[in-house]
Amino acid sequence: MLVLTAAFWWSVEGYTLFEEATARGQIADGLLRFSLLILTPALVLFWLLAAWFRRRVGDKGYWQMLGLVAMIWTGSVLVTRMLVG
């Protein structure tokens, strides 16, 4: 539930950053768009389909995959916040 709450928060926060008319670099703008349009929906879908993945990869692989997806998304959000902020 915490991951889905964080995804919702980043969707709102990132969209607010996206709509602001501030000068950003191309890298920051591209990473902001990528994290909002690709990574956040992928994270939400992955966590919603978690039960299906658990049956396919087993319990240990399940937690490793969820942790990996959450770390990739979190890293993207943190780097975006550093570049934009």
N, C-alpha and C. Protein backbone atom coordinates (compact mmCIF):
# COMPACT_ATOMS: atom_id res chain seq x y z
N MET A 1 0.81 -1.18 0.00
CA MET A 1 0.00 0.00 0.00
C MET A 1 0.87 1.26 0.00
N LEU A 2 2.00 1.20 0.66
CA LEU A 2 2.90 2.34 0.71
C LEU A 2 3.44 2.68 -0.68
N VAL A 3 3.74 1.66 -1.47
CA VAL A 3 4.27 1.89 -2.82
C VAL A 3 3.20 2.55 -3.70
N LEU A 4 1.98 2.10 -3.62
CA LEU A 4 0.92 2.70 -4.42
C LEU A 4 0.63 4.13 -3.97
N THR A 5 0.74 4.41 -2.68
CA THR A 5 0.58 5.78 -2.20
C THR A 5 1.70 6.67 -2.72
N ALA A 6 2.92 6.15 -2.72
CA ALA A 6 4.05 6.91 -3.25
C ALA A 6 3.90 7.16 -4.74
N ALA A 7 3.39 6.20 -5.47
CA ALA A 7 3.16 6.38 -6.91
C ALA A 7 2.10 7.46 -7.16
N PHE A 8 1.05 7.46 -6.35
CA PHE A 8 0.04 8.50 -6.48
C PHE A 8 0.62 9.87 -6.15
N TRP A 9 1.41 9.94 -5.07
CA TRP A 9 2.04 11.20 -4.70
C TRP A 9 2.93 11.71 -5.83
N TRP A 10 3.75 10.84 -6.40
CA TRP A 10 4.65 11.27 -7.47
C TRP A 10 3.86 11.68 -8.72
N SER A 11 2.75 11.04 -8.98
CA SER A 11 1.93 11.44 -10.12
C SER A 11 1.44 12.87 -9.96
N VAL A 12 0.98 13.20 -8.78
CA VAL A 12 0.48 14.54 -8.53
C VAL A 12 1.63 15.55 -8.49
N GLU A 13 2.67 15.23 -7.74
CA GLU A 13 3.82 16.12 -7.62
C GLU A 13 4.54 16.32 -8.95
N GLY A 14 4.75 15.23 -9.67
CA GLY A 14 5.43 15.31 -10.96
C GLY A 14 4.63 16.07 -11.99
N TYR A 15 3.33 15.88 -11.99
CA TYR A 15 2.49 16.62 -12.92
C TYR A 15 2.53 18.12 -12.61
N THR A 16 2.57 18.46 -11.34
CA THR A 16 2.70 19.86 -10.95
C THR A 16 4.02 20.44 -11.44
N LEU A 17 5.10 19.69 -11.28
CA LEU A 17 6.40 20.14 -11.79
C LEU A 17 6.39 20.26 -13.30
N PHE A 18 5.71 19.34 -13.95
CA PHE A 18 5.64 19.34 -15.41
C PHE A 18 4.89 20.55 -15.94
N GLU A 19 3.83 20.95 -15.24
CA GLU A 19 3.01 22.08 -15.67
C GLU A 19 3.62 23.44 -15.36
N GLU A 20 4.58 23.49 -14.44
CA GLU A 20 5.23 24.76 -14.12
C GLU A 20 6.06 25.22 -15.31
N ALA A 21 6.10 26.49 -15.51
CA ALA A 21 6.84 27.05 -16.65
C ALA A 21 8.23 27.50 -16.22
N THR A 22 8.96 26.62 -15.56
CA THR A 22 10.32 26.96 -15.14
C THR A 22 11.32 26.40 -16.13
N ALA A 23 12.48 27.01 -16.17
CA ALA A 23 13.54 26.55 -17.07
C ALA A 23 14.23 25.33 -16.46
N ARG A 24 14.21 24.24 -17.20
CA ARG A 24 14.88 23.00 -16.79
C ARG A 24 15.77 22.56 -17.92
N GLY A 25 16.71 21.72 -17.60
CA GLY A 25 17.55 21.14 -18.63
C GLY A 25 16.80 20.05 -19.38
N GLN A 26 17.35 19.68 -20.53
CA GLN A 26 16.71 18.64 -21.33
C GLN A 26 16.71 17.30 -20.62
N ILE A 27 17.77 17.01 -19.89
CA ILE A 27 17.86 15.73 -19.17
C ILE A 27 16.80 15.67 -18.07
N ALA A 28 16.68 16.74 -17.29
CA ALA A 28 15.68 16.76 -16.22
C ALA A 28 14.27 16.67 -16.78
N ASP A 29 14.01 17.39 -17.86
CA ASP A 29 12.68 17.35 -18.46
C ASP A 29 12.36 15.96 -19.03
N GLY A 30 13.33 15.36 -19.70
CA GLY A 30 13.12 14.02 -20.25
C GLY A 30 12.92 12.97 -19.18
N LEU A 31 13.71 13.06 -18.11
CA LEU A 31 13.56 12.10 -17.02
C LEU A 31 12.24 12.29 -16.29
N LEU A 32 11.80 13.53 -16.15
CA LEU A 32 10.50 13.80 -15.53
C LEU A 32 9.38 13.19 -16.37
N ARG A 33 9.42 13.41 -17.67
CA ARG A 33 8.39 12.83 -18.55
C ARG A 33 8.44 11.31 -18.54
N PHE A 34 9.64 10.73 -18.60
CA PHE A 34 9.78 9.28 -18.61
C PHE A 34 9.26 8.66 -17.32
N SER A 35 9.59 9.28 -16.19
CA SER A 35 9.14 8.71 -14.92
C SER A 35 7.63 8.85 -14.75
N LEU A 36 7.04 9.91 -15.30
CA LEU A 36 5.58 10.09 -15.18
C LEU A 36 4.80 9.23 -16.17
N LEU A 37 5.29 9.13 -17.39
CA LEU A 37 4.52 8.46 -18.44
C LEU A 37 4.80 6.96 -18.56
N ILE A 38 6.00 6.53 -18.18
CA ILE A 38 6.37 5.13 -18.36
C ILE A 38 6.54 4.41 -17.02
N LEU A 39 7.43 4.92 -16.17
CA LEU A 39 7.78 4.18 -14.96
C LEU A 39 6.67 4.11 -13.93
N THR A 40 5.96 5.21 -13.69
CA THR A 40 4.91 5.18 -12.68
C THR A 40 3.75 4.25 -13.06
N PRO A 41 3.23 4.30 -14.30
CA PRO A 41 2.20 3.31 -14.64
C PRO A 41 2.71 1.87 -14.61
N ALA A 42 3.97 1.67 -15.02
CA ALA A 42 4.54 0.32 -14.97
C ALA A 42 4.64 -0.17 -13.54
N LEU A 43 5.04 0.69 -12.62
CA LEU A 43 5.12 0.31 -11.21
C LEU A 43 3.75 -0.07 -10.67
N VAL A 44 2.76 0.73 -10.96
CA VAL A 44 1.40 0.45 -10.46
C VAL A 44 0.88 -0.86 -11.05
N LEU A 45 1.05 -1.07 -12.34
CA LEU A 45 0.60 -2.33 -12.96
C LEU A 45 1.33 -3.53 -12.38
N PHE A 46 2.63 -3.39 -12.18
CA PHE A 46 3.42 -4.49 -11.64
C PHE A 46 2.95 -4.86 -10.24
N TRP A 47 2.68 -3.85 -9.41
CA TRP A 47 2.22 -4.14 -8.05
C TRP A 47 0.80 -4.66 -8.02
N LEU A 48 -0.03 -4.24 -8.97
CA LEU A 48 -1.39 -4.77 -9.01
C LEU A 48 -1.43 -6.22 -9.51
N LEU A 49 -0.48 -6.59 -10.36
CA LEU A 49 -0.40 -7.95 -10.86
C LEU A 49 0.53 -8.83 -10.02
N ALA A 50 0.82 -8.40 -8.82
CA ALA A 50 1.80 -9.09 -7.98
C ALA A 50 1.41 -10.53 -7.68
N ALA A 51 0.15 -10.81 -7.46
CA ALA A 51 -0.27 -12.17 -7.15
C ALA A 51 -0.01 -13.11 -8.33
N TRP A 52 -0.21 -12.62 -9.53
CA TRP A 52 0.07 -13.44 -10.72
C TRP A 52 1.56 -13.74 -10.82
N PHE A 53 2.40 -12.74 -10.55
CA PHE A 53 3.84 -12.94 -10.59
C PHE A 53 4.31 -13.90 -9.50
N ARG A 54 3.67 -13.87 -8.35
CA ARG A 54 4.09 -14.72 -7.23
C ARG A 54 3.94 -16.20 -7.58
N ARG A 55 2.88 -16.54 -8.27
CA ARG A 55 2.69 -17.93 -8.67
C ARG A 55 3.70 -18.37 -9.72
N ARG A 56 4.16 -17.43 -10.54
CA ARG A 56 5.07 -17.78 -11.64
C ARG A 56 6.52 -17.91 -11.21
N VAL A 57 6.99 -17.07 -10.29
CA VAL A 57 8.42 -17.04 -9.95
C VAL A 57 8.73 -17.54 -8.55
N GLY A 58 7.75 -17.87 -7.77
CA GLY A 58 7.99 -18.33 -6.41
C GLY A 58 8.09 -17.16 -5.44
N ASP A 59 8.16 -17.50 -4.16
CA ASP A 59 8.14 -16.46 -3.13
C ASP A 59 9.41 -15.63 -3.10
N LYS A 60 10.57 -16.26 -3.20
CA LYS A 60 11.83 -15.51 -3.14
C LYS A 60 12.00 -14.61 -4.36
N GLY A 61 11.75 -15.14 -5.53
CA GLY A 61 11.85 -14.35 -6.75
C GLY A 61 10.84 -13.22 -6.80
N TYR A 62 9.69 -13.47 -6.22
CA TYR A 62 8.63 -12.46 -6.15
C TYR A 62 9.10 -11.22 -5.41
N TRP A 63 9.67 -11.41 -4.22
CA TRP A 63 10.12 -10.26 -3.43
C TRP A 63 11.32 -9.58 -4.08
N GLN A 64 12.17 -10.34 -4.74
CA GLN A 64 13.30 -9.74 -5.45
C GLN A 64 12.82 -8.87 -6.60
N MET A 65 11.84 -9.36 -7.36
CA MET A 65 11.32 -8.57 -8.48
C MET A 65 10.61 -7.32 -7.99
N LEU A 66 9.78 -7.44 -6.96
CA LEU A 66 9.10 -6.26 -6.44
C LEU A 66 10.09 -5.24 -5.89
N GLY A 67 11.10 -5.70 -5.22
CA GLY A 67 12.13 -4.79 -4.70
C GLY A 67 12.91 -4.11 -5.80
N LEU A 68 13.23 -4.85 -6.85
CA LEU A 68 13.96 -4.27 -7.98
C LEU A 68 13.14 -3.20 -8.69
N VAL A 69 11.89 -3.49 -8.94
CA VAL A 69 11.02 -2.51 -9.61
C VAL A 69 10.84 -1.27 -8.73
N ALA A 70 10.65 -1.46 -7.44
CA ALA A 70 10.49 -0.32 -6.54
C ALA A 70 11.77 0.51 -6.45
N MET A 71 12.94 -0.13 -6.45
CA MET A 71 14.20 0.62 -6.38
C MET A 71 14.46 1.39 -7.67
N ILE A 72 14.15 0.82 -8.82
CA ILE A 72 14.33 1.53 -10.08
C ILE A 72 13.45 2.76 -10.10
N TRP A 73 12.20 2.61 -9.72
CA TRP A 73 11.27 3.73 -9.71
C TRP A 73 11.71 4.80 -8.70
N THR A 74 12.08 4.38 -7.51
CA THR A 74 12.51 5.32 -6.47
C THR A 74 13.76 6.08 -6.91
N GLY A 75 14.71 5.38 -7.51
CA GLY A 75 15.92 6.05 -8.01
C GLY A 75 15.59 7.09 -9.06
N SER A 76 14.69 6.76 -9.95
CA SER A 76 14.28 7.72 -10.97
C SER A 76 13.62 8.95 -10.37
N VAL A 77 12.76 8.74 -9.40
CA VAL A 77 12.08 9.86 -8.75
C VAL A 77 13.08 10.73 -8.00
N LEU A 78 14.02 10.12 -7.27
CA LEU A 78 15.00 10.90 -6.51
C LEU A 78 15.92 11.70 -7.43
N VAL A 79 16.40 11.09 -8.51
CA VAL A 79 17.26 11.81 -9.44
C VAL A 79 16.48 12.94 -10.11
N THR A 80 15.24 12.69 -10.46
CA THR A 80 14.41 13.75 -11.07
C THR A 80 14.22 14.91 -10.11
N ARG A 81 13.94 14.60 -8.84
CA ARG A 81 13.76 15.67 -7.85
C ARG A 81 15.05 16.48 -7.68
N MET A 82 16.21 15.81 -7.71
CA MET A 82 17.47 16.53 -7.57
C MET A 82 17.73 17.43 -8.79
N LEU A 83 17.43 16.95 -9.96
CA LEU A 83 17.69 17.74 -11.17
C LEU A 83 16.71 18.89 -11.33
N VAL A 84 15.46 18.67 -10.97
CA VAL A 84 14.45 19.70 -11.13
C VAL A 84 14.51 20.71 -9.99
N GLY A 85 14.71 20.22 -8.78
CA GLY A 85 14.66 21.08 -7.60
C GLY A 85 15.89 21.81 -7.39
